Amino acid sequence: LGKEISGDQLVEICFRLKEMGAHNINLVTPSHFAPSIREALLPVKKELGLPIICNTGGYDSPEILGCFEGLVDVYLPDYKYAVYEAAARLSHAQDYPDIAMEAIKQMYSQVGDPVISSEGLIKKGVIVRHLCIPGERKNSIEAIRRLGESFKPHQIRLSLMRQYTPIKDMTGNLARRLTTFEYESVVKEAEKYGFEGFLQSAESSDRAFIPEFDLTGVEHE
């Protein structure tokens, strides 16, 4: 589902967003279109004059990330799992911890330390997101530990997300929200390593933030 567009149309959309006052161009889960995106946007990057963000789940190959080198200014990857068993059980991707870590390292090698404007907007760098999942506190703490061993505090920003919201038919721990103890224990681990970044309040766990996934807002010809 969705709308098929050409490279020229992608360029038009980006410039239209700039005219509307966008602070950046946010490419959400773009990995499978990486070569086409590079071909379309790299020639106009300087003229566009906006930071280009690659918003990804972190499960990216070196070849795909190579397509974004010189184009992407800000990487916004997830680091979902550091425990292999959790990665296999929840996402059927036991190799996620290592692949995602290597991907984040490659992202950092491309864009370097975060650059923040006087208005508080990121212009360059890596923000690593981690969603804390009910019942998976050990995975979250291990994720922070691995990030802490791989990066110095000034090299990345860390976004600790508390927004997990249970939906119908979930079972076990996934049928409940995150507890304050679970989240705060992960925050303390991040503070131990000196990471700066972003936290979420308990109110972020709300169905109001879940899209209806009914194509509302998607234009069709």
Protein backbone atom coordinates (compact mmCIF):
# COMPACT_ATOMS: atom_id res chain seq x y z
CA LEU A 1 0.00 0.00 0.00
CA GLY A 2 1.07 3.56 -0.53
CA LYS A 3 1.92 5.75 -3.49
CA GLU A 4 4.59 5.07 -6.08
CA ILE A 5 6.68 8.10 -7.00
CA SER A 6 9.59 8.78 -9.31
CA GLY A 7 12.95 10.26 -8.36
CA ASP A 8 11.89 13.59 -9.82
CA GLN A 9 8.73 13.53 -7.73
CA LEU A 10 10.79 12.83 -4.61
CA VAL A 11 12.87 15.92 -5.34
CA GLU A 12 9.70 17.99 -5.83
CA ILE A 13 8.31 16.77 -2.51
CA CYS A 14 11.53 17.71 -0.68
CA PHE A 15 11.56 21.24 -2.08
CA ARG A 16 7.85 21.61 -1.32
CA LEU A 17 8.54 20.64 2.29
CA LYS A 18 11.31 23.22 2.42
CA GLU A 19 8.88 25.90 1.21
CA MET A 20 6.48 24.86 3.98
CA GLY A 21 9.18 25.50 6.60
CA ALA A 22 10.49 21.97 7.25
CA HIS A 23 13.64 21.84 9.36
CA ASN A 24 14.86 18.64 7.69
CA ILE A 25 14.00 15.86 5.26
CA ASN A 26 13.20 12.72 7.27
CA LEU A 27 13.49 9.49 5.27
CA VAL A 28 11.61 6.88 7.31
CA THR A 29 12.64 3.23 6.81
CA PRO A 30 14.26 4.05 3.45
CA SER A 31 16.85 1.27 3.25
CA HIS A 32 15.15 -0.76 0.51
CA PHE A 33 15.06 2.35 -1.72
CA ALA A 34 18.59 3.53 -0.90
CA PRO A 35 20.13 3.47 -4.42
CA SER A 36 17.15 5.29 -5.93
CA ILE A 37 17.09 7.89 -3.16
CA ARG A 38 20.79 8.60 -3.63
CA GLU A 39 20.38 8.98 -7.38
CA ALA A 40 17.50 11.44 -6.91
CA LEU A 41 18.68 13.57 -3.99
CA LEU A 42 22.48 13.71 -4.13
CA PRO A 43 22.58 16.05 -7.18
CA VAL A 44 20.26 18.56 -5.44
CA LYS A 45 21.53 18.20 -1.85
CA LYS A 46 23.45 21.48 -1.82
CA GLU A 47 20.58 23.41 -3.39
CA LEU A 48 18.07 21.85 -0.98
CA GLY A 49 20.11 23.06 1.96
CA LEU A 50 18.30 20.99 4.62
CA PRO A 51 19.72 18.20 6.79
CA ILE A 52 18.68 14.79 5.47
CA ILE A 53 17.76 12.27 8.16
CA CYS A 54 17.85 8.49 7.74
CA ASN A 55 15.31 7.02 10.17
CA THR A 56 15.97 3.28 10.35
CA GLY A 57 15.45 0.18 12.47
CA GLY A 58 19.20 -0.38 12.59
CA TYR A 59 19.14 -3.72 10.75
CA ASP A 60 21.11 -2.36 7.79
CA SER A 61 23.89 -3.79 5.67
CA PRO A 62 27.19 -1.99 4.97
CA GLU A 63 26.27 -1.86 1.27
CA ILE A 64 22.99 -0.05 1.93
CA LEU A 65 24.59 2.42 4.30
CA GLY A 66 27.25 3.06 1.67
CA CYS A 67 24.49 4.40 -0.58
CA PHE A 68 23.70 7.06 2.03
CA GLU A 69 27.29 8.22 2.56
CA GLY A 70 27.66 11.86 1.58
CA LEU A 71 23.89 12.25 1.39
CA VAL A 72 22.62 11.64 4.93
CA ASP A 73 23.51 14.19 7.61
CA VAL A 74 21.71 12.65 10.59
CA TYR A 75 21.17 8.98 11.32
CA LEU A 76 18.28 8.05 13.61
CA PRO A 77 18.68 4.28 14.11
CA ASP A 78 17.06 1.96 16.61
CA TYR A 79 19.16 -0.33 18.74
CA LYS A 80 16.33 -2.64 19.70
CA TYR A 81 18.13 -5.66 21.11
CA ALA A 82 21.46 -6.51 22.67
CA VAL A 83 20.33 -9.94 23.93
CA TYR A 84 20.28 -12.54 21.15
CA GLU A 85 17.44 -14.55 22.66
CA ALA A 86 15.20 -11.47 22.87
CA ALA A 87 15.98 -10.55 19.26
CA ALA A 88 15.07 -14.05 18.12
CA ARG A 89 11.93 -14.29 20.23
CA LEU A 90 10.49 -10.86 19.51
CA SER A 91 11.70 -10.15 15.96
CA HIS A 92 12.94 -13.50 14.58
CA ALA A 93 16.35 -11.89 14.03
CA GLN A 94 18.88 -13.46 16.38
CA ASP A 95 21.76 -11.69 14.62
CA TYR A 96 20.22 -8.23 15.15
CA PRO A 97 22.47 -7.18 18.09
CA ASP A 98 25.69 -7.51 16.09
CA ILE A 99 24.39 -6.31 12.71
CA ALA A 100 22.76 -3.22 14.21
CA MET A 101 25.84 -2.35 16.27
CA GLU A 102 28.09 -2.55 13.22
CA ALA A 103 25.58 -0.46 11.29
CA ILE A 104 25.57 2.25 13.97
CA LYS A 105 29.37 2.30 13.96
CA GLN A 106 29.35 2.79 10.19
CA MET A 107 26.77 5.56 10.54
CA TYR A 108 28.98 7.34 13.05
CA SER A 109 32.03 6.97 10.81
CA GLN A 110 30.10 8.79 8.07
CA VAL A 111 28.65 11.74 10.01
CA GLY A 112 30.76 12.09 13.17
CA ASP A 113 29.84 13.81 16.43
CA PRO A 114 26.45 15.53 16.84
CA VAL A 115 26.19 19.14 15.70
CA ILE A 116 23.33 21.03 17.37
CA SER A 117 22.16 24.48 16.21
CA SER A 118 21.54 27.42 18.52
CA GLU A 119 17.82 26.59 18.22
CA GLY A 120 18.46 23.10 19.58
CA LEU A 121 18.01 21.33 16.23
CA ILE A 122 20.39 18.57 15.20
CA LYS A 123 22.23 19.29 11.97
CA LYS A 124 24.58 16.33 11.89
CA GLY A 125 25.27 13.20 13.90
CA VAL A 126 23.68 10.01 15.25
CA ILE A 127 20.78 9.67 17.67
CA VAL A 128 20.34 6.06 18.79
CA ARG A 129 16.83 5.12 19.90
CA HIS A 130 16.02 2.29 22.27
CA LEU A 131 12.45 1.27 23.06
CA CYS A 132 12.16 -0.17 26.56
CA ILE A 133 9.87 -3.21 26.41
CA PRO A 134 7.91 -4.61 29.38
CA GLY A 135 9.65 -7.61 30.88
CA GLU A 136 12.85 -7.00 28.88
CA ARG A 137 14.78 -4.84 31.35
CA LYS A 138 17.91 -6.99 31.05
CA ASN A 139 17.89 -6.50 27.28
CA SER A 140 17.63 -2.72 27.69
CA ILE A 141 20.43 -2.56 30.23
CA GLU A 142 22.62 -4.75 28.01
CA ALA A 143 21.85 -2.46 25.05
CA ILE A 144 23.03 0.57 27.02
CA ARG A 145 26.12 -1.32 28.16
CA ARG A 146 27.07 -2.28 24.61
CA LEU A 147 26.55 1.28 23.40
CA GLY A 148 28.59 2.54 26.33
CA GLU A 149 31.46 0.23 25.46
CA SER A 150 31.33 1.18 21.77
CA PHE A 151 30.90 4.95 21.93
CA LYS A 152 32.09 7.82 24.07
CA PRO A 153 29.32 9.99 25.54
CA HIS A 154 29.99 12.90 23.16
CA GLN A 155 29.87 10.74 20.04
CA ILE A 156 26.14 9.91 19.97
CA ARG A 157 22.88 11.07 21.50
CA LEU A 158 20.59 8.51 23.12
CA SER A 159 16.79 8.49 22.98
CA LEU A 160 15.24 6.18 25.60
CA MET A 161 11.66 5.54 24.55
CA ARG A 162 8.90 4.67 26.98
CA GLN A 163 6.07 4.63 24.45
CA TYR A 164 5.39 0.88 24.21
CA THR A 165 1.60 0.53 24.11
CA PRO A 166 -0.06 -2.91 24.34
CA ILE A 167 -2.67 -3.69 21.72
CA LYS A 168 -5.33 -6.35 21.36
CA ASP A 169 -4.29 -10.00 21.50
CA MET A 170 -0.88 -9.36 23.10
CA THR A 171 0.02 -11.86 25.84
CA GLY A 172 2.40 -12.08 28.79
CA ASN A 173 4.49 -9.02 29.55
CA LEU A 174 3.63 -7.56 26.14
CA ALA A 175 0.03 -7.17 27.29
CA ARG A 176 1.01 -4.49 29.82
CA ARG A 177 2.73 -1.12 29.88
CA LEU A 178 6.24 -0.45 31.08
CA THR A 179 6.62 0.11 34.82
CA THR A 180 8.35 3.15 36.30
CA PHE A 181 10.96 0.86 37.85
CA GLU A 182 11.79 -0.73 34.49
CA TYR A 183 12.20 2.58 32.72
CA GLU A 184 14.08 4.40 35.47
CA SER A 185 16.56 1.55 35.89
CA VAL A 186 17.45 1.88 32.20
CA VAL A 187 17.75 5.66 32.54
CA LYS A 188 20.18 5.17 35.44
CA GLU A 189 22.28 2.83 33.30
CA ALA A 190 22.48 5.48 30.57
CA GLU A 191 23.46 8.13 33.11
CA LYS A 192 26.23 5.85 34.36
CA TYR A 193 27.81 5.95 30.92
CA GLY A 194 27.33 9.70 30.63
CA PHE A 195 25.03 9.69 27.63
CA GLU A 196 23.01 12.79 26.84
CA GLY A 197 19.77 12.69 24.93
CA PHE A 198 16.04 12.38 25.29
CA LEU A 199 13.64 10.79 27.79
CA GLN A 200 9.89 10.18 27.63
CA SER A 201 7.17 10.57 30.23
CA ALA A 202 4.72 7.81 31.10
CA GLU A 203 2.06 9.64 29.06
CA SER A 204 3.91 8.67 25.87
CA SER A 205 2.34 5.20 26.23
CA ASP A 206 -1.05 5.97 24.77
CA ARG A 207 -3.07 4.61 21.87
CA ALA A 208 -3.57 8.18 20.70
CA PHE A 209 -0.04 8.00 19.27
CA ILE A 210 -0.74 4.86 17.22
CA PRO A 211 -1.78 5.59 13.60
CA GLU A 212 -4.90 3.92 12.25
CA PHE A 213 -2.90 2.56 9.30
CA ASP A 214 -5.86 3.23 7.02
CA LEU A 215 -3.90 5.38 4.51
CA THR A 216 -5.33 8.59 5.97
CA GLY A 217 -3.31 11.46 4.54
CA VAL A 218 -1.90 9.44 1.63
CA GLU A 219 -2.77 11.01 -1.70
CA HIS A 220 -3.82 8.77 -4.56
CA GLU A 221 -4.15 9.70 -8.19
